[in-house]
PDB file of N, CA and C in Angstrom:
ATOM      1  N   UNK A   1      -4.262  15.461  18.293  1.00  0.00           N
ATOM      2  CA  UNK A   1      -5.329  14.455  18.299  1.00  0.00           C
ATOM      3  C   UNK A   1      -4.709  13.173  17.950  1.00  0.00           C
ATOM      4  N   UNK A   2      -5.074  12.324  18.678  1.00  0.00           N
ATOM      5  CA  UNK A   2      -4.417  10.880  18.467  1.00  0.00           C
ATOM      6  C   UNK A   2      -5.265  10.082  17.457  1.00  0.00           C
ATOM      7  N   UNK A   3      -4.526   9.278  16.714  1.00  0.00           N
ATOM      8  CA  UNK A   3      -5.173   8.377  15.693  1.00  0.00           C
ATOM      9  C   UNK A   3      -5.811   7.171  16.429  1.00  0.00           C
ATOM     10  N   UNK A   4      -6.711   6.583  15.852  1.00  0.00           N
ATOM     11  CA  UNK A   4      -7.374   5.547  16.381  1.00  0.00           C
ATOM     12  C   UNK A   4      -6.558   4.211  15.955  1.00  0.00           C
ATOM     13  N   UNK A   5      -6.669   3.212  16.610  1.00  0.00           N
ATOM     14  CA  UNK A   5      -6.010   2.030  16.260  1.00  0.00           C
ATOM     15  C   UNK A   5      -6.262   1.524  14.800  1.00  0.00           C
ATOM     16  N   UNK A   6      -7.351   1.535  14.306  1.00  0.00           N
ATOM     17  CA  UNK A   6      -7.730   1.172  12.941  1.00  0.00           C
ATOM     18  C   UNK A   6      -6.937   2.236  11.919  1.00  0.00           C
ATOM     19  N   UNK A   7      -7.054   3.444  12.293  1.00  0.00           N
ATOM     20  CA  UNK A   7      -6.368   4.387  11.271  1.00  0.00           C
ATOM     21  C   UNK A   7      -4.815   4.064  11.286  1.00  0.00           C
ATOM     22  N   UNK A   8      -4.361   3.844  12.330  1.00  0.00           N
ATOM     23  CA  UNK A   8      -2.913   3.489  12.476  1.00  0.00           C
ATOM     24  C   UNK A   8      -2.549   2.286  11.676  1.00  0.00           C
ATOM     25  N   UNK A   9      -3.209   1.279  11.814  1.00  0.00           N
ATOM     26  CA  UNK A   9      -3.120  -0.009  11.043  1.00  0.00           C
ATOM     27  C   UNK A   9      -3.222   0.205   9.613  1.00  0.00           C
ATOM     28  N   UNK A  10      -4.189   0.995   9.109  1.00  0.00           N
ATOM     29  CA  UNK A  10      -4.332   1.192   7.734  1.00  0.00           C
ATOM     30  C   UNK A  10      -3.262   1.944   7.224  1.00  0.00           C
ATOM     31  N   UNK A  11      -2.726   2.943   8.047  1.00  0.00           N
ATOM     32  CA  UNK A  11      -1.535   3.786   7.522  1.00  0.00           C
ATOM     33  C   UNK A  11      -0.286   2.912   7.550  1.00  0.00           C
ATOM     34  N   UNK A  12      -0.124   1.877   8.458  1.00  0.00           N
ATOM     35  CA  UNK A  12       1.071   1.016   8.543  1.00  0.00           C
ATOM     36  C   UNK A  12       0.891   0.056   7.257  1.00  0.00           C
ATOM     37  N   UNK A  13      -0.301  -0.527   6.995  1.00  0.00           N
ATOM     38  CA  UNK A  13      -0.385  -1.486   5.887  1.00  0.00           C
ATOM     39  C   UNK A  13      -0.190  -0.702   4.517  1.00  0.00           C
ATOM     40  N   UNK A  14      -0.628   0.589   4.442  1.00  0.00           N
ATOM     41  CA  UNK A  14      -0.382   1.324   3.226  1.00  0.00           C
ATOM     42  C   UNK A  14       1.182   1.559   3.028  1.00  0.00           C
ATOM     43  N   UNK A  15       1.780   1.888   4.044  1.00  0.00           N
ATOM     44  CA  UNK A  15       3.355   2.029   4.005  1.00  0.00           C
ATOM     45  C   UNK A  15       4.037   0.781   3.564  1.00  0.00           C
ATOM     46  N   UNK A  16       3.677  -0.268   4.195  1.00  0.00           N
ATOM     47  CA  UNK A  16       4.371  -1.554   3.968  1.00  0.00           C
ATOM     48  C   UNK A  16       4.071  -2.049   2.634  1.00  0.00           C
ATOM     49  N   UNK A  17       2.669  -2.049   1.997  1.00  0.00           N
ATOM     50  CA  UNK A  17       2.368  -2.400   0.869  1.00  0.00           C
ATOM     51  C   UNK A  17       3.003  -1.591  -0.253  1.00  0.00           C
ATOM     52  N   UNK A  18       3.160  -0.190   0.079  1.00  0.00           N
ATOM     53  CA  UNK A  18       3.799   0.624  -1.072  1.00  0.00           C
ATOM     54  C   UNK A  18       5.278   0.377  -1.123  1.00  0.00           C
ATOM     55  N   UNK A  19       5.865   0.065  -0.036  1.00  0.00           N
ATOM     56  CA  UNK A  19       7.371  -0.361  -0.039  1.00  0.00           C
ATOM     57  C   UNK A  19       7.449  -1.583  -0.791  1.00  0.00           C
ATOM     58  N   UNK A  20       6.596  -2.602  -0.547  1.00  0.00           N
ATOM     59  CA  UNK A  20       6.813  -3.910  -1.304  1.00  0.00           C
ATOM     60  C   UNK A  20       6.626  -3.613  -2.760  1.00  0.00           C
ATOM     61  N   UNK A  21       5.668  -2.765  -3.126  1.00  0.00           N
ATOM     62  CA  UNK A  21       5.410  -2.566  -4.661  1.00  0.00           C
ATOM     63  C   UNK A  21       6.684  -1.878  -5.246  1.00  0.00           C
ATOM     64  N   UNK A  22       7.310  -0.956  -4.552  1.00  0.00           N
ATOM     65  CA  UNK A  22       8.424  -0.188  -5.147  1.00  0.00           C
ATOM     66  C   UNK A  22       9.512  -1.175  -5.136  1.00  0.00           C
ATOM     67  N   UNK A  23       9.885  -2.193  -4.042  1.00  0.00           N
ATOM     68  CA  UNK A  23      10.961  -3.082  -4.152  1.00  0.00           C
ATOM     69  C   UNK A  23      10.781  -4.075  -5.183  1.00  0.00           C
ATOM     70  N   UNK A  24       9.603  -4.659  -5.435  1.00  0.00           N
ATOM     71  CA  UNK A  24       9.307  -5.495  -6.445  1.00  0.00           C
ATOM     72  C   UNK A  24       9.501  -4.924  -7.838  1.00  0.00           C
ATOM     73  N   UNK A  25       9.112  -3.715  -7.927  1.00  0.00           N
ATOM     74  CA  UNK A  25       9.185  -2.986  -9.302  1.00  0.00           C
ATOM     75  C   UNK A  25      10.667  -2.787  -9.661  1.00  0.00           C
ATOM     76  N   UNK A  26      11.484  -2.354  -8.572  1.00  0.00           N
ATOM     77  CA  UNK A  26      12.969  -2.215  -8.836  1.00  0.00           C
ATOM     78  C   UNK A  26      13.584  -3.369  -9.111  1.00  0.00           C
ATOM     79  N   UNK A  27      13.284  -4.465  -8.322  1.00  0.00           N
ATOM     80  CA  UNK A  27      14.003  -5.840  -8.631  1.00  0.00           C
ATOM     81  C   UNK A  27      13.673  -6.406  -9.932  1.00  0.00           C
ATOM     82  N   UNK A  28      12.326  -6.185 -10.234  1.00  0.00           N
ATOM     83  CA  UNK A  28      11.924  -6.629 -11.587  1.00  0.00           C
ATOM     84  C   UNK A  28      12.684  -5.834 -12.758  1.00  0.00           C
ATOM     85  N   UNK A  29      12.818  -4.816 -12.593  1.00  0.00           N
ATOM     86  CA  UNK A  29      13.612  -3.793 -13.432  1.00  0.00           C
ATOM     87  C   UNK A  29      14.899  -4.330 -13.591  1.00  0.00           C
ATOM     88  N   UNK A  30      15.587  -4.755 -12.500  1.00  0.00           N
ATOM     89  CA  UNK A  30      16.938  -5.070 -12.567  1.00  0.00           C
ATOM     90  C   UNK A  30      17.075  -6.652 -13.171  1.00  0.00           C
ATOM     91  N   UNK A  31      16.114  -7.226 -13.328  1.00  0.00           N
ATOM     92  CA  UNK A  31      16.027  -8.559 -13.877  1.00  0.00           C
ATOM     93  C   UNK A  31      16.193  -9.637 -12.829  1.00  0.00           C
ATOM     94  N   UNK A  32      16.085  -9.488 -11.507  1.00  0.00           N
ATOM     95  CA  UNK A  32      16.053 -10.333 -10.618  1.00  0.00           C
ATOM     96  C   UNK A  32      14.635 -11.038 -10.321  1.00  0.00           C
ATOM     97  N   UNK A  33      13.644 -10.296 -10.360  1.00  0.00           N
ATOM     98  CA  UNK A  33      12.369 -10.908 -10.233  1.00  0.00           C
ATOM     99  C   UNK A  33      11.621 -10.901 -11.659  1.00  0.00           C
ATOM    100  N   UNK A  34      12.076 -11.520 -12.690  1.00  0.00           N
ATOM    101  CA  UNK A  34      11.459 -11.273 -13.868  1.00  0.00           C
ATOM    102  C   UNK A  34      10.201 -12.249 -14.044  1.00  0.00           C
ATOM    103  N   UNK A  35      10.079 -13.273 -13.087  1.00  0.00           N
ATOM    104  CA  UNK A  35       8.875 -14.034 -13.300  1.00  0.00           C
ATOM    105  C   UNK A  35       7.539 -13.429 -12.737  1.00  0.00           C
ATOM    106  N   UNK A  36       7.701 -12.229 -12.069  1.00  0.00           N
ATOM    107  CA  UNK A  36       6.525 -11.642 -11.600  1.00  0.00           C
ATOM    108  C   UNK A  36       5.850 -10.880 -12.721  1.00  0.00           C
ATOM    109  N   UNK A  37       4.665 -11.076 -13.010  1.00  0.00           N
ATOM    110  CA  UNK A  37       3.843 -10.412 -14.158  1.00  0.00           C
ATOM    111  C   UNK A  37       3.626  -8.909 -13.727  1.00  0.00           C
ATOM    112  N   UNK A  38       3.626  -8.039 -14.824  1.00  0.00           N
ATOM    113  CA  UNK A  38       3.258  -6.657 -14.590  1.00  0.00           C
ATOM    114  C   UNK A  38       1.866  -6.397 -13.877  1.00  0.00           C
ATOM    115  N   UNK A  39       0.995  -7.273 -14.345  1.00  0.00           N
ATOM    116  CA  UNK A  39      -0.394  -7.100 -13.715  1.00  0.00           C
ATOM    117  C   UNK A  39      -0.402  -7.347 -12.229  1.00  0.00           C
ATOM    118  N   UNK A  40       0.416  -8.152 -11.732  1.00  0.00           N
ATOM    119  CA  UNK A  40       0.396  -8.277 -10.411  1.00  0.00           C
ATOM    120  C   UNK A  40       1.008  -7.128  -9.594  1.00  0.00           C
ATOM    121  N   UNK A  41       1.892  -6.496 -10.240  1.00  0.00           N
ATOM    122  CA  UNK A  41       2.427  -5.173  -9.609  1.00  0.00           C
ATOM    123  C   UNK A  41       1.442  -4.137  -9.616  1.00  0.00           C
ATOM    124  N   UNK A  42       0.661  -4.062 -10.644  1.00  0.00           N
ATOM    125  CA  UNK A  42      -0.397  -3.096 -10.887  1.00  0.00           C
ATOM    126  C   UNK A  42      -1.441  -3.309  -9.736  1.00  0.00           C
ATOM    127  N   UNK A  43      -1.890  -4.600  -9.531  1.00  0.00           N
ATOM    128  CA  UNK A  43      -2.909  -4.856  -8.447  1.00  0.00           C
ATOM    129  C   UNK A  43      -2.262  -4.536  -7.111  1.00  0.00           C
ATOM    130  N   UNK A  44      -1.028  -4.848  -6.696  1.00  0.00           N
ATOM    131  CA  UNK A  44      -0.418  -4.494  -5.514  1.00  0.00           C
ATOM    132  C   UNK A  44      -0.435  -2.855  -5.341  1.00  0.00           C
ATOM    133  N   UNK A  45      -0.227  -2.219  -6.419  1.00  0.00           N
ATOM    134  CA  UNK A  45      -0.120  -0.780  -6.416  1.00  0.00           C
ATOM    135  C   UNK A  45      -1.586  -0.128  -6.190  1.00  0.00           C
ATOM    136  N   UNK A  46      -2.547  -0.790  -6.802  1.00  0.00           N
ATOM    137  CA  UNK A  46      -3.925  -0.370  -6.562  1.00  0.00           C
ATOM    138  C   UNK A  46      -4.491  -0.692  -5.085  1.00  0.00           C
ATOM    139  N   UNK A  47      -4.043  -1.880  -4.670  1.00  0.00           N
ATOM    140  CA  UNK A  47      -4.259  -2.142  -3.256  1.00  0.00           C
ATOM    141  C   UNK A  47      -3.628  -1.024  -2.256  1.00  0.00           C
ATOM    142  N   UNK A  48      -2.390  -0.769  -2.551  1.00  0.00           N
ATOM    143  CA  UNK A  48      -1.881   0.290  -1.736  1.00  0.00           C
ATOM    144  C   UNK A  48      -2.451   1.567  -1.752  1.00  0.00           C
ATOM    145  N   UNK A  49      -3.038   1.969  -2.934  1.00  0.00           N
ATOM    146  CA  UNK A  49      -3.859   3.245  -3.154  1.00  0.00           C
ATOM    147  C   UNK A  49      -5.099   3.037  -2.365  1.00  0.00           C
ATOM    148  N   UNK A  50      -5.770   1.898  -2.457  1.00  0.00           N
ATOM    149  CA  UNK A  50      -7.033   1.692  -1.799  1.00  0.00           C
ATOM    150  C   UNK A  50      -6.872   1.843  -0.263  1.00  0.00           C
ATOM    151  N   UNK A  51      -5.781   1.192   0.274  1.00  0.00           N
ATOM    152  CA  UNK A  51      -5.696   1.346   1.680  1.00  0.00           C
ATOM    153  C   UNK A  51      -5.376   2.760   2.000  1.00  0.00           C
ATOM    154  N   UNK A  52      -4.541   3.576   1.216  1.00  0.00           N
ATOM    155  CA  UNK A  52      -4.318   4.983   1.582  1.00  0.00           C
ATOM    156  C   UNK A  52      -5.614   5.776   1.633  1.00  0.00           C
ATOM    157  N   UNK A  53      -6.398   5.507   0.677  1.00  0.00           N
ATOM    158  CA  UNK A  53      -7.823   6.290   0.680  1.00  0.00           C
ATOM    159  C   UNK A  53      -8.567   5.805   1.781  1.00  0.00           C
ATOM    160  N   UNK A  54      -8.629   4.647   2.211  1.00  0.00           N
ATOM    161  CA  UNK A  54      -9.560   4.073   3.425  1.00  0.00           C
ATOM    162  C   UNK A  54      -8.927   4.718   4.653  1.00  0.00           C
ATOM    163  N   UNK A  55      -7.540   4.770   4.657  1.00  0.00           N
ATOM    164  CA  UNK A  55      -7.029   5.323   5.881  1.00  0.00           C
ATOM    165  C   UNK A  55      -7.372   6.900   5.982  1.00  0.00           C
ATOM    166  N   UNK A  56      -7.209   7.545   4.811  1.00  0.00           N
ATOM    167  CA  UNK A  56      -7.579   8.967   4.931  1.00  0.00           C
ATOM    168  C   UNK A  56      -9.091   9.181   5.362  1.00  0.00           C
ATOM    169  N   UNK A  57      -9.910   8.379   4.695  1.00  0.00           N
ATOM    170  CA  UNK A  57     -11.466   8.568   4.924  1.00  0.00           C
ATOM    171  C   UNK A  57     -11.685   8.238   6.373  1.00  0.00           C
ATOM    172  N   UNK A  58     -11.112   7.151   7.056  1.00  0.00           N
ATOM    173  CA  UNK A  58     -11.327   6.901   8.349  1.00  0.00           C
ATOM    174  C   UNK A  58     -10.749   7.819   9.259  1.00  0.00           C
ATOM    175  N   UNK A  59      -9.740   8.485   9.029  1.00  0.00           N
ATOM    176  CA  UNK A  59      -9.139   9.520   9.822  1.00  0.00           C
ATOM    177  C   UNK A  59      -9.826  10.680   9.795  1.00  0.00           C
ATOM    178  N   UNK A  60     -10.483  11.178   8.654  1.00  0.00           N
ATOM    179  CA  UNK A  60     -11.013  12.294   8.520  1.00  0.00           C
ATOM    180  C   UNK A  60     -12.595  12.452   8.638  1.00  0.00           C
ATOM    181  N   UNK A  61     -13.202  11.384   8.306  1.00  0.00           N
ATOM    182  CA  UNK A  61     -14.684  11.337   8.215  1.00  0.00           C
ATOM    183  C   UNK A  61     -15.337  10.435   9.168  1.00  0.00           C
ATOM    184  N   UNK A  62     -14.784   9.218   9.397  1.00  0.00           N
ATOM    185  CA  UNK A  62     -15.544   8.166  10.001  1.00  0.00           C
ATOM    186  C   UNK A  62     -15.279   8.330  11.565  1.00  0.00           C
ATOM    187  N   UNK A  63     -14.268   8.707  11.962  1.00  0.00           N
ATOM    188  CA  UNK A  63     -13.812   8.952  13.370  1.00  0.00           C
ATOM    189  C   UNK A  63     -14.055   7.780  14.404  1.00  0.00           C
ATOM    190  N   UNK A  64     -13.788   6.558  13.960  1.00  0.00           N
ATOM    191  CA  UNK A  64     -13.858   5.435  14.958  1.00  0.00           C
ATOM    192  C   UNK A  64     -12.842   4.548  14.552  1.00  0.00           C
TER     193      UNK A  64
END
């Protein structure tokens, strides 16, 4: 069963945003990006989780 274009976009956005969150978190831990507040990293992580949930719901329930 093939994925719809919207589901594919949501999955890609989830992966990219999660990758950015992990990279920023690691770089902040190493002291390179110390100016980024922890709250921003949490918001990025919550955004990635929300995209993942929307992608799952669109794929399994909404079918468009």
